[in-house]
Amino acid sequence: MIERIDPSGMLVSTKAKCEEVLAIFGQKISEANGNKKRASSNQEGKIHLGFVYSGDKTLKTGIRMMESALHFSSYLEYLVGEKIDWAKWKSPKFHYMVPYDSMLSPKELEVFFGTLQAVYHQMLEKDPAISYLGERPQQLYRPIPLDKTFVNESFFEAAFETQEYAISHSELKLAIKRALASKSSIHTLLNTVVLDTRPMAAIGLSRSSRISRSMADLTRSSTVCGKGGMRSI
């Protein structure tokens, strides 16, 4: 199965989508000269509904991706502290094209899509607050004719239009930048790399405090190197 998006759409990176927002827990350090300067903007940024995992007969991966997608918008709005105009952020809809040598036939894919859609409706009924990028569409996919403008019909036998979207890298970057600027407790160090870290006493935490390893790592002293030379933080 091959994905396509309208060439005018913006494909962005979500792998590093909350790197700065996570700095709410402490210091934000980057060797780049600006926030999200090192994130890829090539073929990334889609908020998956699980369609690409049609080979998973257990449906576990598709369901997990759909659950995450339906909570993504509310979680991100919580992290950045503002209501997002998702219509402004969204790319055109994603289309899936099925080649003749696909591991699954168009009919098998449609059955998988339909099963996922049934799970989607169950999720909507269970939680009225969830949405996919601010919307709750009734139909997540539909078969469509092959678009000869983009597709060589000798290679592909079917196509589907979905309600999946990518989000704008530039809009995400601006929202994170605003969130960082609003937090006086966050200190952003650009053009800086971490050279070394050493454990230090957890501020405000006793030995008996139950904290995760990742949280404990936030209590480490670091040696960093930037334009001003090496120093500890």
C-alpha atoms as a PDB file:
ATOM      1  CA  MET A   1       0.000   0.000   0.000  1.00  0.00           C
ATOM      2  CA  ILE A   2       1.397   3.423  -0.959  1.00  0.00           C
ATOM      3  CA  GLU A   3       0.467   6.782   0.481  1.00  0.00           C
ATOM      4  CA  ARG A   4      -0.018   9.963  -1.520  1.00  0.00           C
ATOM      5  CA  ILE A   5      -0.827  13.501  -0.534  1.00  0.00           C
ATOM      6  CA  ASP A   6      -1.640  16.473  -2.708  1.00  0.00           C
ATOM      7  CA  PRO A   7       1.680  18.205  -3.634  1.00  0.00           C
ATOM      8  CA  SER A   8       0.379  21.462  -2.163  1.00  0.00           C
ATOM      9  CA  GLY A   9       0.056  19.833   1.268  1.00  0.00           C
ATOM     10  CA  MET A  10       2.711  20.358   3.915  1.00  0.00           C
ATOM     11  CA  LEU A  11       4.272  17.180   5.293  1.00  0.00           C
ATOM     12  CA  VAL A  12       5.991  17.665   8.620  1.00  0.00           C
ATOM     13  CA  SER A  13       7.775  15.918  11.482  1.00  0.00           C
ATOM     14  CA  THR A  14       5.929  14.768  14.579  1.00  0.00           C
ATOM     15  CA  LYS A  15       8.732  12.565  15.884  1.00  0.00           C
ATOM     16  CA  ALA A  16      10.132  15.612  17.633  1.00  0.00           C
ATOM     17  CA  LYS A  17       6.799  17.379  17.908  1.00  0.00           C
ATOM     18  CA  CYS A  18       6.925  17.966  21.669  1.00  0.00           C
ATOM     19  CA  GLU A  19      10.667  18.203  22.285  1.00  0.00           C
ATOM     20  CA  GLU A  20      10.363  21.772  23.501  1.00  0.00           C
ATOM     21  CA  VAL A  21       7.036  21.335  25.252  1.00  0.00           C
ATOM     22  CA  LEU A  22       8.567  18.568  27.350  1.00  0.00           C
ATOM     23  CA  ALA A  23      10.951  21.219  28.633  1.00  0.00           C
ATOM     24  CA  ILE A  24       8.138  22.151  31.000  1.00  0.00           C
ATOM     25  CA  PHE A  25       9.901  19.630  33.243  1.00  0.00           C
ATOM     26  CA  GLY A  26      13.232  21.485  33.188  1.00  0.00           C
ATOM     27  CA  GLN A  27      15.937  22.871  30.921  1.00  0.00           C
ATOM     28  CA  LYS A  28      15.551  22.884  27.133  1.00  0.00           C
ATOM     29  CA  ILE A  29      18.947  22.367  25.480  1.00  0.00           C
ATOM     30  CA  SER A  30      19.644  22.289  21.760  1.00  0.00           C
ATOM     31  CA  GLU A  31      22.790  22.558  19.656  1.00  0.00           C
ATOM     32  CA  ALA A  32      20.677  24.188  16.924  1.00  0.00           C
ATOM     33  CA  ASN A  33      20.231  27.963  16.752  1.00  0.00           C
ATOM     34  CA  GLY A  34      16.449  27.783  17.126  1.00  0.00           C
ATOM     35  CA  ASN A  35      13.576  25.575  18.266  1.00  0.00           C
ATOM     36  CA  LYS A  36      12.764  22.599  16.007  1.00  0.00           C
ATOM     37  CA  LYS A  37      15.528  23.507  13.543  1.00  0.00           C
ATOM     38  CA  ARG A  38      16.642  19.865  13.375  1.00  0.00           C
ATOM     39  CA  ALA A  39      13.259  18.201  12.820  1.00  0.00           C
ATOM     40  CA  SER A  40      12.609  16.610   9.446  1.00  0.00           C
ATOM     41  CA  SER A  41       9.930  18.105   7.224  1.00  0.00           C
ATOM     42  CA  ASN A  42      10.002  15.328   4.619  1.00  0.00           C
ATOM     43  CA  GLN A  43       7.122  12.851   4.449  1.00  0.00           C
ATOM     44  CA  GLU A  44       6.246  13.244   8.116  1.00  0.00           C
ATOM     45  CA  GLY A  45       3.513  14.729  10.256  1.00  0.00           C
ATOM     46  CA  LYS A  46       0.539  12.502   9.538  1.00  0.00           C
ATOM     47  CA  ILE A  47      -1.708  11.806  12.503  1.00  0.00           C
ATOM     48  CA  HIS A  48      -2.301   8.120  11.820  1.00  0.00           C
ATOM     49  CA  LEU A  49      -5.700   6.483  12.170  1.00  0.00           C
ATOM     50  CA  GLY A  50      -4.181   3.032  11.764  1.00  0.00           C
ATOM     51  CA  PHE A  51      -4.880   2.335   8.079  1.00  0.00           C
ATOM     52  CA  VAL A  52      -1.235   1.587   7.231  1.00  0.00           C
ATOM     53  CA  TYR A  53      -1.167  -1.379   9.625  1.00  0.00           C
ATOM     54  CA  SER A  54      -3.482  -3.575   7.584  1.00  0.00           C
ATOM     55  CA  GLY A  55      -1.059  -6.495   7.853  1.00  0.00           C
ATOM     56  CA  ASP A  56      -1.694  -6.764  11.589  1.00  0.00           C
ATOM     57  CA  LYS A  57      -4.518  -9.270  11.822  1.00  0.00           C
ATOM     58  CA  THR A  58      -4.830  -8.756  15.592  1.00  0.00           C
ATOM     59  CA  LEU A  59      -5.766  -5.099  14.934  1.00  0.00           C
ATOM     60  CA  LYS A  60      -3.766  -4.132  18.044  1.00  0.00           C
ATOM     61  CA  THR A  61      -1.472  -1.675  16.256  1.00  0.00           C
ATOM     62  CA  GLY A  62      -4.268  -0.037  14.287  1.00  0.00           C
ATOM     63  CA  ILE A  63      -6.399   0.407  17.401  1.00  0.00           C
ATOM     64  CA  ARG A  64      -3.481   1.867  19.366  1.00  0.00           C
ATOM     65  CA  MET A  65      -2.743   4.348  16.587  1.00  0.00           C
ATOM     66  CA  MET A  66      -6.390   5.354  16.395  1.00  0.00           C
ATOM     67  CA  GLU A  67      -6.614   5.864  20.163  1.00  0.00           C
ATOM     68  CA  SER A  68      -3.557   8.109  20.037  1.00  0.00           C
ATOM     69  CA  ALA A  69      -4.903  10.054  17.052  1.00  0.00           C
ATOM     70  CA  LEU A  70      -8.233  10.721  18.768  1.00  0.00           C
ATOM     71  CA  HIS A  71      -6.482  12.142  21.843  1.00  0.00           C
ATOM     72  CA  PHE A  72      -3.728  13.999  19.995  1.00  0.00           C
ATOM     73  CA  SER A  73      -5.513  17.321  19.516  1.00  0.00           C
ATOM     74  CA  SER A  74      -6.724  17.685  23.111  1.00  0.00           C
ATOM     75  CA  TYR A  75      -3.354  16.653  24.550  1.00  0.00           C
ATOM     76  CA  LEU A  76      -1.429  19.075  22.338  1.00  0.00           C
ATOM     77  CA  GLU A  77      -3.800  21.934  23.173  1.00  0.00           C
ATOM     78  CA  TYR A  78      -3.251  21.152  26.856  1.00  0.00           C
ATOM     79  CA  LEU A  79       0.545  21.130  26.454  1.00  0.00           C
ATOM     80  CA  VAL A  80       0.759  24.410  24.530  1.00  0.00           C
ATOM     81  CA  GLY A  81      -1.984  26.067  26.591  1.00  0.00           C
ATOM     82  CA  GLU A  82      -4.109  27.344  23.728  1.00  0.00           C
ATOM     83  CA  LYS A  83      -7.019  26.394  21.475  1.00  0.00           C
ATOM     84  CA  ILE A  84      -5.773  25.391  18.040  1.00  0.00           C
ATOM     85  CA  ASP A  85      -7.417  26.194  14.712  1.00  0.00           C
ATOM     86  CA  TRP A  86      -6.973  22.698  13.272  1.00  0.00           C
ATOM     87  CA  ALA A  87      -8.497  23.648   9.915  1.00  0.00           C
ATOM     88  CA  LYS A  88      -5.576  26.027   9.452  1.00  0.00           C
ATOM     89  CA  TRP A  89      -3.055  23.369  10.460  1.00  0.00           C
ATOM     90  CA  LYS A  90      -4.325  20.459   8.357  1.00  0.00           C
ATOM     91  CA  SER A  91      -3.007  19.279   4.999  1.00  0.00           C
ATOM     92  CA  PRO A  92      -5.270  17.892   2.255  1.00  0.00           C
ATOM     93  CA  LYS A  93      -6.660  14.409   2.922  1.00  0.00           C
ATOM     94  CA  PHE A  94      -4.429  11.390   2.414  1.00  0.00           C
ATOM     95  CA  HIS A  95      -5.152   8.934  -0.372  1.00  0.00           C
ATOM     96  CA  TYR A  96      -4.046   5.303  -0.429  1.00  0.00           C
ATOM     97  CA  MET A  97      -3.324   3.577  -3.724  1.00  0.00           C
ATOM     98  CA  VAL A  98      -3.252  -0.211  -4.066  1.00  0.00           C
ATOM     99  CA  PRO A  99      -0.698  -1.668  -6.518  1.00  0.00           C
ATOM    100  CA  TYR A 100      -1.448  -4.856  -8.423  1.00  0.00           C
ATOM    101  CA  ASP A 101       1.243  -6.703  -6.460  1.00  0.00           C
ATOM    102  CA  SER A 102      -0.099  -5.575  -3.074  1.00  0.00           C
ATOM    103  CA  MET A 103       0.043  -8.166  -0.270  1.00  0.00           C
ATOM    104  CA  LEU A 104      -3.649  -7.447   0.324  1.00  0.00           C
ATOM    105  CA  SER A 105      -6.324  -7.026  -2.320  1.00  0.00           C
ATOM    106  CA  PRO A 106      -8.511  -3.897  -2.468  1.00  0.00           C
ATOM    107  CA  LYS A 107     -11.374  -5.957  -1.041  1.00  0.00           C
ATOM    108  CA  GLU A 108      -9.257  -7.163   1.885  1.00  0.00           C
ATOM    109  CA  LEU A 109      -8.093  -3.627   2.584  1.00  0.00           C
ATOM    110  CA  GLU A 110     -11.652  -2.352   2.542  1.00  0.00           C
ATOM    111  CA  VAL A 111     -12.642  -5.031   5.061  1.00  0.00           C
ATOM    112  CA  PHE A 112      -9.760  -3.939   7.315  1.00  0.00           C
ATOM    113  CA  PHE A 113     -10.686  -0.268   6.938  1.00  0.00           C
ATOM    114  CA  GLY A 114     -14.304  -1.084   7.750  1.00  0.00           C
ATOM    115  CA  THR A 115     -13.296  -2.989  10.889  1.00  0.00           C
ATOM    116  CA  LEU A 116     -11.217  -0.032  12.047  1.00  0.00           C
ATOM    117  CA  GLN A 117     -14.098   2.307  11.359  1.00  0.00           C
ATOM    118  CA  ALA A 118     -16.399   0.189  13.526  1.00  0.00           C
ATOM    119  CA  VAL A 119     -13.848   0.450  16.351  1.00  0.00           C
ATOM    120  CA  TYR A 120     -13.688   4.206  15.751  1.00  0.00           C
ATOM    121  CA  HIS A 121     -17.459   4.569  16.223  1.00  0.00           C
ATOM    122  CA  GLN A 122     -17.254   2.573  19.459  1.00  0.00           C
ATOM    123  CA  MET A 123     -14.563   4.960  20.719  1.00  0.00           C
ATOM    124  CA  LEU A 124     -16.672   8.010  19.849  1.00  0.00           C
ATOM    125  CA  GLU A 125     -19.673   6.589  21.701  1.00  0.00           C
ATOM    126  CA  LYS A 126     -17.558   5.790  24.742  1.00  0.00           C
ATOM    127  CA  ASP A 127     -15.939   9.235  24.998  1.00  0.00           C
ATOM    128  CA  PRO A 128     -17.825  12.315  23.697  1.00  0.00           C
ATOM    129  CA  ALA A 129     -14.763  14.505  24.327  1.00  0.00           C
ATOM    130  CA  ILE A 130     -12.393  12.886  21.844  1.00  0.00           C
ATOM    131  CA  SER A 131     -11.982  14.002  18.245  1.00  0.00           C
ATOM    132  CA  TYR A 132      -9.684  13.685  15.261  1.00  0.00           C
ATOM    133  CA  LEU A 133      -8.033  17.088  14.917  1.00  0.00           C
ATOM    134  CA  GLY A 134     -11.144  18.829  16.196  1.00  0.00           C
ATOM    135  CA  GLU A 135     -13.683  16.850  14.143  1.00  0.00           C
ATOM    136  CA  ARG A 136     -15.681  13.623  14.488  1.00  0.00           C
ATOM    137  CA  PRO A 137     -16.315  12.497  10.885  1.00  0.00           C
ATOM    138  CA  GLN A 138     -18.770   9.647  10.437  1.00  0.00           C
ATOM    139  CA  GLN A 139     -16.932   8.091   7.483  1.00  0.00           C
ATOM    140  CA  LEU A 140     -13.149   7.606   7.732  1.00  0.00           C
ATOM    141  CA  TYR A 141     -12.580   6.310   4.202  1.00  0.00           C
ATOM    142  CA  ARG A 142     -14.200   5.737   0.824  1.00  0.00           C
ATOM    143  CA  PRO A 143     -13.137   3.993  -2.395  1.00  0.00           C
ATOM    144  CA  ILE A 144     -12.420   6.469  -5.205  1.00  0.00           C
ATOM    145  CA  PRO A 145     -11.492   6.169  -8.888  1.00  0.00           C
ATOM    146  CA  LEU A 146      -7.794   6.291  -9.711  1.00  0.00           C
ATOM    147  CA  ASP A 147      -6.702   9.846 -10.477  1.00  0.00           C
ATOM    148  CA  LYS A 148      -4.955   9.697 -13.852  1.00  0.00           C
ATOM    149  CA  THR A 149      -3.334  13.062 -13.140  1.00  0.00           C
ATOM    150  CA  PHE A 150      -1.115  11.445 -10.512  1.00  0.00           C
ATOM    151  CA  VAL A 151      -1.394   7.701 -11.050  1.00  0.00           C
ATOM    152  CA  ASN A 152      -0.115   5.283 -13.676  1.00  0.00           C
ATOM    153  CA  GLU A 153      -3.038   2.891 -14.010  1.00  0.00           C
ATOM    154  CA  SER A 154      -0.762   0.098 -15.171  1.00  0.00           C
ATOM    155  CA  PHE A 155       0.679  -0.094 -11.651  1.00  0.00           C
ATOM    156  CA  PHE A 156      -2.371   0.508  -9.448  1.00  0.00           C
ATOM    157  CA  GLU A 157      -5.760  -1.137  -9.363  1.00  0.00           C
ATOM    158  CA  ALA A 158      -7.626   0.781  -6.646  1.00  0.00           C
ATOM    159  CA  ALA A 159      -7.557   3.862  -4.444  1.00  0.00           C
ATOM    160  CA  PHE A 160      -9.097   5.074  -1.193  1.00  0.00           C
ATOM    161  CA  GLU A 161      -9.616   8.568   0.161  1.00  0.00           C
ATOM    162  CA  THR A 162      -9.288   8.839   3.947  1.00  0.00           C
ATOM    163  CA  GLN A 163      -9.889  11.396   6.664  1.00  0.00           C
ATOM    164  CA  GLU A 164      -6.216  11.261   7.674  1.00  0.00           C
ATOM    165  CA  TYR A 165      -4.234  14.496   7.650  1.00  0.00           C
ATOM    166  CA  ALA A 166      -0.754  15.801   8.298  1.00  0.00           C
ATOM    167  CA  ILE A 167      -0.299  18.911  10.415  1.00  0.00           C
ATOM    168  CA  SER A 168       1.703  22.034   9.604  1.00  0.00           C
ATOM    169  CA  HIS A 169       5.261  22.019  10.896  1.00  0.00           C
ATOM    170  CA  SER A 170       5.445  25.810  10.930  1.00  0.00           C
ATOM    171  CA  GLU A 171       2.201  26.206  12.906  1.00  0.00           C
ATOM    172  CA  LEU A 172       3.312  23.571  15.410  1.00  0.00           C
ATOM    173  CA  LYS A 173       6.656  25.278  15.823  1.00  0.00           C
ATOM    174  CA  LEU A 174       5.009  28.650  16.505  1.00  0.00           C
ATOM    175  CA  ALA A 175       2.629  27.141  19.075  1.00  0.00           C
ATOM    176  CA  ILE A 176       5.491  25.458  20.926  1.00  0.00           C
ATOM    177  CA  LYS A 177       7.521  28.669  20.772  1.00  0.00           C
ATOM    178  CA  ARG A 178       4.635  30.604  22.364  1.00  0.00           C
ATOM    179  CA  ALA A 179       4.259  27.945  25.063  1.00  0.00           C
ATOM    180  CA  LEU A 180       7.963  28.097  25.906  1.00  0.00           C
ATOM    181  CA  ALA A 181       7.935  31.884  26.037  1.00  0.00           C
ATOM    182  CA  SER A 182       5.011  31.833  28.490  1.00  0.00           C
ATOM    183  CA  LYS A 183       6.850  29.606  30.984  1.00  0.00           C
ATOM    184  CA  SER A 184       9.264  31.619  33.113  1.00  0.00           C
ATOM    185  CA  SER A 185      10.587  28.392  34.629  1.00  0.00           C
ATOM    186  CA  ILE A 186      11.898  27.153  31.262  1.00  0.00           C
ATOM    187  CA  HIS A 187      15.348  28.303  30.177  1.00  0.00           C
ATOM    188  CA  THR A 188      16.190  27.636  26.546  1.00  0.00           C
ATOM    189  CA  LEU A 189      19.871  27.190  25.698  1.00  0.00           C
ATOM    190  CA  LEU A 190      20.531  27.262  21.948  1.00  0.00           C
ATOM    191  CA  ASN A 191      23.821  26.516  20.178  1.00  0.00           C
ATOM    192  CA  THR A 192      24.564  24.229  23.125  1.00  0.00           C
ATOM    193  CA  VAL A 193      25.379  20.540  23.534  1.00  0.00           C
ATOM    194  CA  VAL A 194      25.441  18.342  26.655  1.00  0.00           C
ATOM    195  CA  LEU A 195      28.963  17.010  27.290  1.00  0.00           C
ATOM    196  CA  ASP A 196      28.395  15.179  30.553  1.00  0.00           C
ATOM    197  CA  THR A 197      25.749  14.496  33.208  1.00  0.00           C
ATOM    198  CA  ARG A 198      26.139  13.584  36.887  1.00  0.00           C
ATOM    199  CA  PRO A 199      23.486  12.531  39.448  1.00  0.00           C
ATOM    200  CA  MET A 200      22.510  15.169  41.987  1.00  0.00           C
ATOM    201  CA  ALA A 201      20.007  15.309  44.854  1.00  0.00           C
ATOM    202  CA  ALA A 202      16.434  15.461  43.605  1.00  0.00           C
ATOM    203  CA  ILE A 203      15.090  18.855  44.542  1.00  0.00           C
ATOM    204  CA  GLY A 204      12.014  18.490  46.716  1.00  0.00           C
ATOM    205  CA  LEU A 205      12.105  14.690  46.575  1.00  0.00           C
ATOM    206  CA  SER A 206      12.983  12.420  49.502  1.00  0.00           C
ATOM    207  CA  ARG A 207      14.694   9.039  49.208  1.00  0.00           C
ATOM    208  CA  SER A 208      11.333   7.380  49.694  1.00  0.00           C
ATOM    209  CA  SER A 209       9.704   9.332  46.876  1.00  0.00           C
ATOM    210  CA  ARG A 210       8.418   7.115  44.075  1.00  0.00           C
ATOM    211  CA  ILE A 211       9.670   8.561  40.800  1.00  0.00           C
ATOM    212  CA  SER A 212      10.318   6.985  37.427  1.00  0.00           C
ATOM    213  CA  ARG A 213      13.810   6.617  36.014  1.00  0.00           C
ATOM    214  CA  SER A 214      13.058   9.241  33.378  1.00  0.00           C
ATOM    215  CA  MET A 215      11.925  11.690  36.057  1.00  0.00           C
ATOM    216  CA  ALA A 216      15.044  10.928  38.103  1.00  0.00           C
ATOM    217  CA  ASP A 217      17.167  11.783  35.071  1.00  0.00           C
ATOM    218  CA  LEU A 218      15.731  15.293  35.202  1.00  0.00           C
ATOM    219  CA  THR A 219      17.506  15.803  38.516  1.00  0.00           C
ATOM    220  CA  ARG A 220      20.993  15.334  37.056  1.00  0.00           C
ATOM    221  CA  SER A 221      23.599  18.067  36.858  1.00  0.00           C
ATOM    222  CA  SER A 222      24.907  18.622  33.331  1.00  0.00           C
ATOM    223  CA  THR A 223      28.040  20.075  31.793  1.00  0.00           C
ATOM    224  CA  VAL A 224      27.185  21.956  28.621  1.00  0.00           C
ATOM    225  CA  CYS A 225      29.186  23.696  25.943  1.00  0.00           C
ATOM    226  CA  GLY A 226      27.928  26.704  24.023  1.00  0.00           C
ATOM    227  CA  LYS A 227      29.103  30.022  22.660  1.00  0.00           C
ATOM    228  CA  GLY A 228      30.115  31.069  26.170  1.00  0.00           C
ATOM    229  CA  GLY A 229      32.283  27.981  26.746  1.00  0.00           C
ATOM    230  CA  MET A 230      31.733  25.094  29.147  1.00  0.00           C
ATOM    231  CA  ARG A 231      29.646  25.417  32.300  1.00  0.00           C
ATOM    232  CA  SER A 232      27.488  23.359  34.662  1.00  0.00           C
ATOM    233  CA  ILE A 233      23.740  23.673  35.014  1.00  0.00           C
END
